[in-house]
Amino acid sequence: MSLTMVLLPVFVEVGLTFALLFWAKARAQATDAADEFGLPTLFYALIALALPLRHADLVIVLLSWVFVVTRFANAGLVARPADSRQRGLAWTASALVLLAMWLYFALKMLLLI
């Protein structure tokens, strides 16, 4: 079985997870726990796949740092009473960065770049 065939369902599931996360967030149904653990779990999974497959290039590293900075911003807003709009923007920024990372990784893997 080719690596592409093995990873394709992973990419589809990640896409579904992002769709559900954004849908829940838009409908204000996401809990704080889901917000705080869903994105980091997807981040760890991406890095766990990218490292052994030797696809953790400069783009992945730079986007990883942007993701971590946005997570720090979100954590800072969670730790103190803050405007929920600011917190939502920080979460959305981190989710979009992580989505970009997954799309970049998936395209590299599926197109064998």
PDB file of N, CA and C in Angstrom:
ATOM      1  N   MET A   1       0.857  -1.179   0.000  1.00  0.00           N
ATOM      2  CA  MET A   1       0.000   0.000   0.000  1.00  0.00           C
ATOM      3  C   MET A   1       0.896   1.232   0.000  1.00  0.00           C
ATOM      4  N   SER A   2       0.562   2.208  -0.832  1.00  0.00           N
ATOM      5  CA  SER A   2       1.385   3.414  -0.927  1.00  0.00           C
ATOM      6  C   SER A   2       1.137   4.332   0.269  1.00  0.00           C
ATOM      7  N   LEU A   3       2.129   5.156   0.536  1.00  0.00           N
ATOM      8  CA  LEU A   3       2.031   6.115   1.629  1.00  0.00           C
ATOM      9  C   LEU A   3       0.859   7.075   1.408  1.00  0.00           C
ATOM     10  N   THR A   4       0.647   7.475   0.176  1.00  0.00           N
ATOM     11  CA  THR A   4      -0.466   8.361  -0.161  1.00  0.00           C
ATOM     12  C   THR A   4      -1.801   7.720   0.203  1.00  0.00           C
ATOM     13  N   MET A   5      -1.969   6.466  -0.123  1.00  0.00           N
ATOM     14  CA  MET A   5      -3.226   5.770   0.174  1.00  0.00           C
ATOM     15  C   MET A   5      -3.438   5.621   1.678  1.00  0.00           C
ATOM     16  N   VAL A   6      -2.363   5.465   2.416  1.00  0.00           N
ATOM     17  CA  VAL A   6      -2.471   5.333   3.870  1.00  0.00           C
ATOM     18  C   VAL A   6      -2.807   6.681   4.507  1.00  0.00           C
ATOM     19  N   LEU A   7      -2.204   7.761   4.005  1.00  0.00           N
ATOM     20  CA  LEU A   7      -2.404   9.074   4.615  1.00  0.00           C
ATOM     21  C   LEU A   7      -3.687   9.770   4.162  1.00  0.00           C
ATOM     22  N   LEU A   8      -4.245   9.399   3.034  1.00  0.00           N
ATOM     23  CA  LEU A   8      -5.436  10.072   2.533  1.00  0.00           C
ATOM     24  C   LEU A   8      -6.597  10.061   3.535  1.00  0.00           C
ATOM     25  N   PRO A   9      -6.918   8.934   4.184  1.00  0.00           N
ATOM     26  CA  PRO A   9      -7.997   8.989   5.176  1.00  0.00           C
ATOM     27  C   PRO A   9      -7.659   9.871   6.373  1.00  0.00           C
ATOM     28  N   VAL A  10      -6.379   9.964   6.718  1.00  0.00           N
ATOM     29  CA  VAL A  10      -5.962  10.861   7.801  1.00  0.00           C
ATOM     30  C   VAL A  10      -6.284  12.299   7.413  1.00  0.00           C
ATOM     31  N   PHE A  11      -5.939  12.679   6.187  1.00  0.00           N
ATOM     32  CA  PHE A  11      -6.197  14.038   5.732  1.00  0.00           C
ATOM     33  C   PHE A  11      -7.693  14.330   5.672  1.00  0.00           C
ATOM     34  N   VAL A  12      -8.489  13.362   5.254  1.00  0.00           N
ATOM     35  CA  VAL A  12      -9.939  13.545   5.208  1.00  0.00           C
ATOM     36  C   VAL A  12     -10.493  13.728   6.621  1.00  0.00           C
ATOM     37  N   GLU A  13     -10.023  12.935   7.559  1.00  0.00           N
ATOM     38  CA  GLU A  13     -10.475  13.053   8.951  1.00  0.00           C
ATOM     39  C   GLU A  13     -10.063  14.386   9.562  1.00  0.00           C
ATOM     40  N   VAL A  14      -8.861  14.841   9.270  1.00  0.00           N
ATOM     41  CA  VAL A  14      -8.414  16.148   9.755  1.00  0.00           C
ATOM     42  C   VAL A  14      -9.310  17.247   9.179  1.00  0.00           C
ATOM     43  N   GLY A  15      -9.648  17.138   7.896  1.00  0.00           N
ATOM     44  CA  GLY A  15     -10.555  18.107   7.286  1.00  0.00           C
ATOM     45  C   GLY A  15     -11.921  18.113   7.967  1.00  0.00           C
ATOM     46  N   LEU A  16     -12.443  16.944   8.259  1.00  0.00           N
ATOM     47  CA  LEU A  16     -13.716  16.843   8.970  1.00  0.00           C
ATOM     48  C   LEU A  16     -13.615  17.488  10.354  1.00  0.00           C
ATOM     49  N   THR A  17     -12.521  17.222  11.048  1.00  0.00           N
ATOM     50  CA  THR A  17     -12.321  17.786  12.389  1.00  0.00           C
ATOM     51  C   THR A  17     -12.302  19.311  12.334  1.00  0.00           C
ATOM     52  N   PHE A  18     -11.563  19.873  11.376  1.00  0.00           N
ATOM     53  CA  PHE A  18     -11.549  21.329  11.238  1.00  0.00           C
ATOM     54  C   PHE A  18     -12.942  21.860  10.907  1.00  0.00           C
ATOM     55  N   ALA A  19     -13.645  21.204  10.015  1.00  0.00           N
ATOM     56  CA  ALA A  19     -14.989  21.648   9.648  1.00  0.00           C
ATOM     57  C   ALA A  19     -15.898  21.666  10.880  1.00  0.00           C
ATOM     58  N   LEU A  20     -15.831  20.623  11.679  1.00  0.00           N
ATOM     59  CA  LEU A  20     -16.656  20.560  12.889  1.00  0.00           C
ATOM     60  C   LEU A  20     -16.236  21.603  13.920  1.00  0.00           C
ATOM     61  N   LEU A  21     -14.924  21.830  14.049  1.00  0.00           N
ATOM     62  CA  LEU A  21     -14.448  22.845  14.998  1.00  0.00           C
ATOM     63  C   LEU A  21     -14.953  24.237  14.599  1.00  0.00           C
ATOM     64  N   PHE A  22     -14.826  24.574  13.309  1.00  0.00           N
ATOM     65  CA  PHE A  22     -15.292  25.882  12.862  1.00  0.00           C
ATOM     66  C   PHE A  22     -16.817  25.989  12.936  1.00  0.00           C
ATOM     67  N   TRP A  23     -17.517  24.911  12.617  1.00  0.00           N
ATOM     68  CA  TRP A  23     -18.969  24.914  12.686  1.00  0.00           C
ATOM     69  C   TRP A  23     -19.439  25.124  14.126  1.00  0.00           C
ATOM     70  N   ALA A  24     -18.827  24.387  15.057  1.00  0.00           N
ATOM     71  CA  ALA A  24     -19.204  24.511  16.465  1.00  0.00           C
ATOM     72  C   ALA A  24     -18.888  25.910  16.986  1.00  0.00           C
ATOM     73  N   LYS A  25     -17.749  26.445  16.571  1.00  0.00           N
ATOM     74  CA  LYS A  25     -17.366  27.782  17.006  1.00  0.00           C
ATOM     75  C   LYS A  25     -18.350  28.822  16.467  1.00  0.00           C
ATOM     76  N   ALA A  26     -18.740  28.676  15.216  1.00  0.00           N
ATOM     77  CA  ALA A  26     -19.682  29.624  14.605  1.00  0.00           C
ATOM     78  C   ALA A  26     -21.049  29.564  15.274  1.00  0.00           C
ATOM     79  N   ARG A  27     -21.426  28.394  15.746  1.00  0.00           N
ATOM     80  CA  ARG A  27     -22.722  28.235  16.404  1.00  0.00           C
ATOM     81  C   ARG A  27     -22.628  28.419  17.906  1.00  0.00           C
ATOM     82  N   ALA A  28     -21.433  28.825  18.399  1.00  0.00           N
ATOM     83  CA  ALA A  28     -21.193  29.066  19.831  1.00  0.00           C
ATOM     84  C   ALA A  28     -21.497  27.832  20.669  1.00  0.00           C
ATOM     85  N   GLN A  29     -21.181  26.662  20.142  1.00  0.00           N
ATOM     86  CA  GLN A  29     -21.421  25.420  20.884  1.00  0.00           C
ATOM     87  C   GLN A  29     -20.127  24.785  21.370  1.00  0.00           C
ATOM     88  N   ALA A  30     -18.978  25.364  21.015  1.00  0.00           N
ATOM     89  CA  ALA A  30     -17.705  24.766  21.425  1.00  0.00           C
ATOM     90  C   ALA A  30     -17.446  25.074  22.892  1.00  0.00           C
ATOM     91  N   THR A  31     -16.988  24.078  23.621  1.00  0.00           N
ATOM     92  CA  THR A  31     -16.656  24.293  25.022  1.00  0.00           C
ATOM     93  C   THR A  31     -15.213  24.755  25.135  1.00  0.00           C
ATOM     94  N   ASP A  32     -14.878  25.306  26.289  1.00  0.00           N
ATOM     95  CA  ASP A  32     -13.495  25.735  26.508  1.00  0.00           C
ATOM     96  C   ASP A  32     -12.536  24.565  26.385  1.00  0.00           C
ATOM     97  N   ALA A  33     -12.922  23.409  26.900  1.00  0.00           N
ATOM     98  CA  ALA A  33     -12.045  22.241  26.826  1.00  0.00           C
ATOM     99  C   ALA A  33     -11.785  21.836  25.386  1.00  0.00           C
ATOM    100  N   ALA A  34     -12.815  21.848  24.567  1.00  0.00           N
ATOM    101  CA  ALA A  34     -12.635  21.491  23.153  1.00  0.00           C
ATOM    102  C   ALA A  34     -11.727  22.497  22.470  1.00  0.00           C
ATOM    103  N   ASP A  35     -11.906  23.772  22.791  1.00  0.00           N
ATOM    104  CA  ASP A  35     -11.047  24.808  22.210  1.00  0.00           C
ATOM    105  C   ASP A  35      -9.590  24.593  22.581  1.00  0.00           C
ATOM    106  N   GLU A  36      -9.346  24.273  23.823  1.00  0.00           N
ATOM    107  CA  GLU A  36      -7.980  24.217  24.322  1.00  0.00           C
ATOM    108  C   GLU A  36      -7.247  22.925  23.975  1.00  0.00           C
ATOM    109  N   PHE A  37      -7.952  21.841  23.729  1.00  0.00           N
ATOM    110  CA  PHE A  37      -7.280  20.569  23.458  1.00  0.00           C
ATOM    111  C   PHE A  37      -7.395  20.101  22.013  1.00  0.00           C
ATOM    112  N   GLY A  38      -8.408  20.548  21.286  1.00  0.00           N
ATOM    113  CA  GLY A  38      -8.595  20.096  19.911  1.00  0.00           C
ATOM    114  C   GLY A  38      -7.471  20.536  18.987  1.00  0.00           C
ATOM    115  N   LEU A  39      -7.174  21.822  18.993  1.00  0.00           N
ATOM    116  CA  LEU A  39      -6.127  22.326  18.096  1.00  0.00           C
ATOM    117  C   LEU A  39      -4.745  21.786  18.437  1.00  0.00           C
ATOM    118  N   PRO A  40      -4.330  21.793  19.716  1.00  0.00           N
ATOM    119  CA  PRO A  40      -3.011  21.229  20.004  1.00  0.00           C
ATOM    120  C   PRO A  40      -2.886  19.756  19.621  1.00  0.00           C
ATOM    121  N   THR A  41      -3.949  18.995  19.760  1.00  0.00           N
ATOM    122  CA  THR A  41      -3.908  17.586  19.373  1.00  0.00           C
ATOM    123  C   THR A  41      -3.650  17.444  17.877  1.00  0.00           C
ATOM    124  N   LEU A  42      -4.322  18.265  17.067  1.00  0.00           N
ATOM    125  CA  LEU A  42      -4.076  18.241  15.627  1.00  0.00           C
ATOM    126  C   LEU A  42      -2.651  18.698  15.307  1.00  0.00           C
ATOM    127  N   PHE A  43      -2.139  19.650  16.070  1.00  0.00           N
ATOM    128  CA  PHE A  43      -0.765  20.127  15.874  1.00  0.00           C
ATOM    129  C   PHE A  43       0.234  18.997  16.163  1.00  0.00           C
ATOM    130  N   TYR A  44       0.052  18.322  17.304  1.00  0.00           N
ATOM    131  CA  TYR A  44       0.966  17.224  17.660  1.00  0.00           C
ATOM    132  C   TYR A  44       0.918  16.109  16.617  1.00  0.00           C
ATOM    133  N   ALA A  45      -0.280  15.809  16.126  1.00  0.00           N
ATOM    134  CA  ALA A  45      -0.410  14.758  15.107  1.00  0.00           C
ATOM    135  C   ALA A  45       0.332  15.140  13.838  1.00  0.00           C
ATOM    136  N   LEU A  46       0.217  16.397  13.428  1.00  0.00           N
ATOM    137  CA  LEU A  46       0.908  16.841  12.219  1.00  0.00           C
ATOM    138  C   LEU A  46       2.418  16.708  12.373  1.00  0.00           C
ATOM    139  N   ILE A  47       2.938  17.168  13.476  1.00  0.00           N
ATOM    140  CA  ILE A  47       4.387  17.093  13.698  1.00  0.00           C
ATOM    141  C   ILE A  47       4.831  15.637  13.812  1.00  0.00           C
ATOM    142  N   ALA A  48       4.016  14.808  14.455  1.00  0.00           N
ATOM    143  CA  ALA A  48       4.353  13.383  14.578  1.00  0.00           C
ATOM    144  C   ALA A  48       4.397  12.694  13.217  1.00  0.00           C
ATOM    145  N   LEU A  49       3.612  13.171  12.270  1.00  0.00           N
ATOM    146  CA  LEU A  49       3.658  12.620  10.909  1.00  0.00           C
ATOM    147  C   LEU A  49       4.785  13.244  10.084  1.00  0.00           C
ATOM    148  N   ALA A  50       4.951  14.555  10.190  1.00  0.00           N
ATOM    149  CA  ALA A  50       5.912  15.266   9.342  1.00  0.00           C
ATOM    150  C   ALA A  50       7.358  14.889   9.656  1.00  0.00           C
ATOM    151  N   LEU A  51       7.677  14.693  10.926  1.00  0.00           N
ATOM    152  CA  LEU A  51       9.073  14.387  11.290  1.00  0.00           C
ATOM    153  C   LEU A  51       9.579  13.079  10.696  1.00  0.00           C
ATOM    154  N   PRO A  52       8.940  11.948  10.963  1.00  0.00           N
ATOM    155  CA  PRO A  52       9.491  10.701  10.412  1.00  0.00           C
ATOM    156  C   PRO A  52       9.398  10.619   8.889  1.00  0.00           C
ATOM    157  N   LEU A  53       8.462  11.371   8.293  1.00  0.00           N
ATOM    158  CA  LEU A  53       8.326  11.364   6.840  1.00  0.00           C
ATOM    159  C   LEU A  53       9.257  12.373   6.174  1.00  0.00           C
ATOM    160  N   ARG A  54      10.023  13.065   6.983  1.00  0.00           N
ATOM    161  CA  ARG A  54      11.003  14.062   6.511  1.00  0.00           C
ATOM    162  C   ARG A  54      10.346  15.170   5.690  1.00  0.00           C
ATOM    163  N   HIS A  55       9.209  15.642   6.180  1.00  0.00           N
ATOM    164  CA  HIS A  55       8.509  16.750   5.532  1.00  0.00           C
ATOM    165  C   HIS A  55       8.349  17.935   6.481  1.00  0.00           C
ATOM    166  N   ALA A  56       9.136  17.956   7.543  1.00  0.00           N
ATOM    167  CA  ALA A  56       9.118  19.092   8.469  1.00  0.00           C
ATOM    168  C   ALA A  56      10.131  20.119   7.969  1.00  0.00           C
ATOM    169  N   ASP A  57       9.745  20.852   6.917  1.00  0.00           N
ATOM    170  CA  ASP A  57      10.654  21.809   6.307  1.00  0.00           C
ATOM    171  C   ASP A  57      10.514  23.183   6.970  1.00  0.00           C
ATOM    172  N   LEU A  58      11.153  24.183   6.384  1.00  0.00           N
ATOM    173  CA  LEU A  58      11.156  25.528   6.951  1.00  0.00           C
ATOM    174  C   LEU A  58       9.742  26.105   7.058  1.00  0.00           C
ATOM    175  N   VAL A  59       8.904  25.846   6.083  1.00  0.00           N
ATOM    176  CA  VAL A  59       7.527  26.354   6.119  1.00  0.00           C
ATOM    177  C   VAL A  59       6.790  25.777   7.325  1.00  0.00           C
ATOM    178  N   ILE A  60       6.923  24.487   7.545  1.00  0.00           N
ATOM    179  CA  ILE A  60       6.271  23.844   8.708  1.00  0.00           C
ATOM    180  C   ILE A  60       6.809  24.435  10.007  1.00  0.00           C
ATOM    181  N   VAL A  61       8.105  24.624  10.096  1.00  0.00           N
ATOM    182  CA  VAL A  61       8.705  25.172  11.326  1.00  0.00           C
ATOM    183  C   VAL A  61       8.223  26.603  11.565  1.00  0.00           C
ATOM    184  N   LEU A  62       8.235  27.434  10.539  1.00  0.00           N
ATOM    185  CA  LEU A  62       7.785  28.821  10.709  1.00  0.00           C
ATOM    186  C   LEU A  62       6.306  28.881  11.078  1.00  0.00           C
ATOM    187  N   LEU A  63       5.482  28.106  10.389  1.00  0.00           N
ATOM    188  CA  LEU A  63       4.058  28.077  10.731  1.00  0.00           C
ATOM    189  C   LEU A  63       3.828  27.501  12.128  1.00  0.00           C
ATOM    190  N   SER A  64       4.677  26.572  12.552  1.00  0.00           N
ATOM    191  CA  SER A  64       4.573  26.030  13.917  1.00  0.00           C
ATOM    192  C   SER A  64       4.783  27.127  14.949  1.00  0.00           C
ATOM    193  N   TRP A  65       5.774  27.981  14.702  1.00  0.00           N
ATOM    194  CA  TRP A  65       6.020  29.082  15.632  1.00  0.00           C
ATOM    195  C   TRP A  65       4.873  30.084  15.631  1.00  0.00           C
ATOM    196  N   VAL A  66       4.316  30.368  14.474  1.00  0.00           N
ATOM    197  CA  VAL A  66       3.160  31.270  14.419  1.00  0.00           C
ATOM    198  C   VAL A  66       1.992  30.650  15.184  1.00  0.00           C
ATOM    199  N   PHE A  67       1.786  29.358  15.004  1.00  0.00           N
ATOM    200  CA  PHE A  67       0.723  28.658  15.737  1.00  0.00           C
ATOM    201  C   PHE A  67       0.939  28.776  17.247  1.00  0.00           C
ATOM    202  N   VAL A  68       2.160  28.527  17.689  1.00  0.00           N
ATOM    203  CA  VAL A  68       2.452  28.580  19.132  1.00  0.00           C
ATOM    204  C   VAL A  68       2.233  29.998  19.678  1.00  0.00           C
ATOM    205  N   VAL A  69       2.638  31.013  18.926  1.00  0.00           N
ATOM    206  CA  VAL A  69       2.425  32.397  19.375  1.00  0.00           C
ATOM    207  C   VAL A  69       0.934  32.693  19.496  1.00  0.00           C
ATOM    208  N   THR A  70       0.142  32.255  18.525  1.00  0.00           N
ATOM    209  CA  THR A  70      -1.303  32.488  18.611  1.00  0.00           C
ATOM    210  C   THR A  70      -1.924  31.713  19.765  1.00  0.00           C
ATOM    211  N   ARG A  71      -1.381  30.551  20.077  1.00  0.00           N
ATOM    212  CA  ARG A  71      -1.886  29.778  21.227  1.00  0.00           C
ATOM    213  C   ARG A  71      -1.539  30.479  22.538  1.00  0.00           C
ATOM    214  N   PHE A  72      -0.344  31.092  22.602  1.00  0.00           N
ATOM    215  CA  PHE A  72       0.003  31.877  23.791  1.00  0.00           C
ATOM    216  C   PHE A  72      -0.953  33.054  23.947  1.00  0.00           C
ATOM    217  N   ALA A  73      -1.270  33.720  22.846  1.00  0.00           N
ATOM    218  CA  ALA A  73      -2.221  34.836  22.902  1.00  0.00           C
ATOM    219  C   ALA A  73      -3.572  34.343  23.407  1.00  0.00           C
ATOM    220  N   ASN A  74      -4.029  33.217  22.892  1.00  0.00           N
ATOM    221  CA  ASN A  74      -5.298  32.646  23.332  1.00  0.00           C
ATOM    222  C   ASN A  74      -5.243  32.264  24.811  1.00  0.00           C
ATOM    223  N   ALA A  75      -4.148  31.651  25.226  1.00  0.00           N
ATOM    224  CA  ALA A  75      -4.005  31.242  26.629  1.00  0.00           C
ATOM    225  C   ALA A  75      -4.005  32.461  27.547  1.00  0.00           C
ATOM    226  N   GLY A  76      -3.353  33.528  27.110  1.00  0.00           N
ATOM    227  CA  GLY A  76      -3.351  34.746  27.915  1.00  0.00           C
ATOM    228  C   GLY A  76      -4.735  35.322  28.077  1.00  0.00           C
ATOM    229  N   LEU A  77      -5.554  35.205  27.044  1.00  0.00           N
ATOM    230  CA  LEU A  77      -6.924  35.708  27.127  1.00  0.00           C
ATOM    231  C   LEU A  77      -7.821  34.780  27.931  1.00  0.00           C
ATOM    232  N   VAL A  78      -7.502  33.496  27.954  1.00  0.00           N
ATOM    233  CA  VAL A  78      -8.273  32.544  28.755  1.00  0.00           C
ATOM    234  C   VAL A  78      -7.971  32.744  30.236  1.00  0.00           C
ATOM    235  N   ALA A  79      -6.710  33.058  30.549  1.00  0.00           N
ATOM    236  CA  ALA A  79      -6.264  33.153  31.938  1.00  0.00           C
ATOM    237  C   ALA A  79      -6.817  34.372  32.670  1.00  0.00           C
ATOM    238  N   ARG A  80      -7.280  35.351  31.937  1.00  0.00           N
ATOM    239  CA  ARG A  80      -7.821  36.546  32.586  1.00  0.00           C
ATOM    240  C   ARG A  80      -9.168  36.887  31.946  1.00  0.00           C
ATOM    241  N   PRO A  81      -9.984  37.595  32.710  1.00  0.00           N
ATOM    242  CA  PRO A  81     -11.256  38.011  32.112  1.00  0.00           C
ATOM    243  C   PRO A  81     -10.977  38.923  30.916  1.00  0.00           C
ATOM    244  N   ALA A  82     -11.470  38.533  29.775  1.00  0.00           N
ATOM    245  CA  ALA A  82     -11.203  39.307  28.569  1.00  0.00           C
ATOM    246  C   ALA A  82     -12.437  39.336  27.683  1.00  0.00           C
ATOM    247  N   ASP A  83     -12.368  40.182  26.721  1.00  0.00           N
ATOM    248  CA  ASP A  83     -13.422  40.272  25.730  1.00  0.00           C
ATOM    249  C   ASP A  83     -13.488  38.948  24.966  1.00  0.00           C
ATOM    250  N   SER A  84     -14.662  38.328  24.916  1.00  0.00           N
ATOM    251  CA  SER A  84     -14.784  37.037  24.232  1.00  0.00           C
ATOM    252  C   SER A  84     -14.490  37.177  22.746  1.00  0.00           C
ATOM    253  N   ARG A  85     -14.686  38.367  22.189  1.00  0.00           N
ATOM    254  CA  ARG A  85     -14.378  38.602  20.777  1.00  0.00           C
ATOM    255  C   ARG A  85     -12.870  38.480  20.531  1.00  0.00           C
ATOM    256  N   GLN A  86     -12.069  39.058  21.420  1.00  0.00           N
ATOM    257  CA  GLN A  86     -10.607  38.951  21.292  1.00  0.00           C
ATOM    258  C   GLN A  86     -10.165  37.496  21.389  1.00  0.00           C
ATOM    259  N   ARG A  87     -10.754  36.794  22.332  1.00  0.00           N
ATOM    260  CA  ARG A  87     -10.402  35.388  22.505  1.00  0.00           C
ATOM    261  C   ARG A  87     -10.794  34.584  21.272  1.00  0.00           C
ATOM    262  N   GLY A  88     -11.957  34.874  20.715  1.00  0.00           N
ATOM    263  CA  GLY A  88     -12.399  34.205  19.504  1.00  0.00           C
ATOM    264  C   GLY A  88     -11.475  34.474  18.333  1.00  0.00           C
ATOM    265  N   LEU A  89     -10.985  35.700  18.231  1.00  0.00           N
ATOM    266  CA  LEU A  89     -10.044  36.040  17.161  1.00  0.00           C
ATOM    267  C   LEU A  89      -8.725  35.290  17.332  1.00  0.00           C
ATOM    268  N   ALA A  90      -8.250  35.184  18.559  1.00  0.00           N
ATOM    269  CA  ALA A  90      -6.998  34.454  18.810  1.00  0.00           C
ATOM    270  C   ALA A  90      -7.169  32.980  18.463  1.00  0.00           C
ATOM    271  N   TRP A  91      -8.308  32.391  18.847  1.00  0.00           N
ATOM    272  CA  TRP A  91      -8.560  30.984  18.524  1.00  0.00           C
ATOM    273  C   TRP A  91      -8.652  30.796  17.017  1.00  0.00           C
ATOM    274  N   THR A  92      -9.381  31.688  16.342  1.00  0.00           N
ATOM    275  CA  THR A  92      -9.541  31.581  14.898  1.00  0.00           C
ATOM    276  C   THR A  92      -8.199  31.718  14.186  1.00  0.00           C
ATOM    277  N   ALA A  93      -7.362  32.637  14.652  1.00  0.00           N
ATOM    278  CA  ALA A  93      -6.028  32.801  14.051  1.00  0.00           C
ATOM    279  C   ALA A  93      -5.216  31.522  14.185  1.00  0.00           C
ATOM    280  N   SER A  94      -5.225  30.924  15.370  1.00  0.00           N
ATOM    281  CA  SER A  94      -4.453  29.692  15.562  1.00  0.00           C
ATOM    282  C   SER A  94      -5.033  28.554  14.733  1.00  0.00           C
ATOM    283  N   ALA A  95      -6.355  28.489  14.625  1.00  0.00           N
ATOM    284  CA  ALA A  95      -6.981  27.432  13.829  1.00  0.00           C
ATOM    285  C   ALA A  95      -6.655  27.593  12.350  1.00  0.00           C
ATOM    286  N   LEU A  96      -6.654  28.820  11.856  1.00  0.00           N
ATOM    287  CA  LEU A  96      -6.345  29.056  10.442  1.00  0.00           C
ATOM    288  C   LEU A  96      -4.887  28.751  10.122  1.00  0.00           C
ATOM    289  N   VAL A  97      -3.982  29.089  11.045  1.00  0.00           N
ATOM    290  CA  VAL A  97      -2.562  28.756  10.842  1.00  0.00           C
ATOM    291  C   VAL A  97      -2.396  27.241  10.793  1.00  0.00           C
ATOM    292  N   LEU A  98      -3.031  26.545  11.721  1.00  0.00           N
ATOM    293  CA  LEU A  98      -2.919  25.085  11.749  1.00  0.00           C
ATOM    294  C   LEU A  98      -3.558  24.459  10.507  1.00  0.00           C
ATOM    295  N   LEU A  99      -4.672  25.008  10.060  1.00  0.00           N
ATOM    296  CA  LEU A  99      -5.296  24.521   8.835  1.00  0.00           C
ATOM    297  C   LEU A  99      -4.348  24.708   7.650  1.00  0.00           C
ATOM    298  N   ALA A 100      -3.680  25.852   7.581  1.00  0.00           N
ATOM    299  CA  ALA A 100      -2.703  26.096   6.510  1.00  0.00           C
ATOM    300  C   ALA A 100      -1.567  25.082   6.578  1.00  0.00           C
ATOM    301  N   MET A 101      -1.122  24.761   7.790  1.00  0.00           N
ATOM    302  CA  MET A 101      -0.058  23.759   7.946  1.00  0.00           C
ATOM    303  C   MET A 101      -0.513  22.401   7.411  1.00  0.00           C
ATOM    304  N   TRP A 102      -1.726  21.994   7.779  1.00  0.00           N
ATOM    305  CA  TRP A 102      -2.239  20.697   7.326  1.00  0.00           C
ATOM    306  C   TRP A 102      -2.420  20.669   5.813  1.00  0.00           C
ATOM    307  N   LEU A 103      -2.935  21.752   5.254  1.00  0.00           N
ATOM    308  CA  LEU A 103      -3.106  21.810   3.797  1.00  0.00           C
ATOM    309  C   LEU A 103      -1.761  21.728   3.084  1.00  0.00           C
ATOM    310  N   TYR A 104      -0.793  22.470   3.573  1.00  0.00           N
ATOM    311  CA  TYR A 104       0.552  22.451   2.997  1.00  0.00           C
ATOM    312  C   TYR A 104       1.145  21.039   3.065  1.00  0.00           C
ATOM    313  N   PHE A 105       1.049  20.415   4.233  1.00  0.00           N
ATOM    314  CA  PHE A 105       1.586  19.065   4.424  1.00  0.00           C
ATOM    315  C   PHE A 105       0.858  18.058   3.531  1.00  0.00           C
ATOM    316  N   ALA A 106      -0.464  18.144   3.489  1.00  0.00           N
ATOM    317  CA  ALA A 106      -1.245  17.207   2.671  1.00  0.00           C
ATOM    318  C   ALA A 106      -0.894  17.351   1.197  1.00  0.00           C
ATOM    319  N   LEU A 107      -0.788  18.576   0.722  1.00  0.00           N
ATOM    320  CA  LEU A 107      -0.430  18.773  -0.681  1.00  0.00           C
ATOM    321  C   LEU A 107       0.965  18.249  -0.988  1.00  0.00           C
ATOM    322  N   LYS A 108       1.901  18.470  -0.071  1.00  0.00           N
ATOM    323  CA  LYS A 108       3.259  17.950  -0.268  1.00  0.00           C
ATOM    324  C   LYS A 108       3.235  16.422  -0.342  1.00  0.00           C
ATOM    325  N   MET A 109       2.466  15.796   0.515  1.00  0.00           N
ATOM    326  CA  MET A 109       2.432  14.343   0.566  1.00  0.00           C
ATOM    327  C   MET A 109       1.666  13.756  -0.643  1.00  0.00           C
ATOM    328  N   LEU A 110       0.539  14.334  -0.958  1.00  0.00           N
ATOM    329  CA  LEU A 110      -0.301  13.791  -2.016  1.00  0.00           C
ATOM    330  C   LEU A 110       0.257  14.079  -3.410  1.00  0.00           C
ATOM    331  N   LEU A 111       0.915  15.208  -3.556  1.00  0.00           N
ATOM    332  CA  LEU A 111       1.505  15.560  -4.861  1.00  0.00           C
ATOM    333  C   LEU A 111       2.968  15.156  -4.955  1.00  0.00           C
ATOM    334  N   LEU A 112       3.475  14.564  -3.877  1.00  0.00           N
ATOM    335  CA  LEU A 112       4.859  14.089  -3.798  1.00  0.00           C
ATOM    336  C   LEU A 112       5.862  15.191  -4.130  1.00  0.00           C
ATOM    337  N   ILE A 113       5.661  16.339  -3.525  1.00  0.00           N
ATOM    338  CA  ILE A 113       6.552  17.484  -3.743  1.00  0.00           C
ATOM    339  C   ILE A 113       7.722  17.393  -2.765  1.00  0.00           C
TER     340      ILE A 113
END
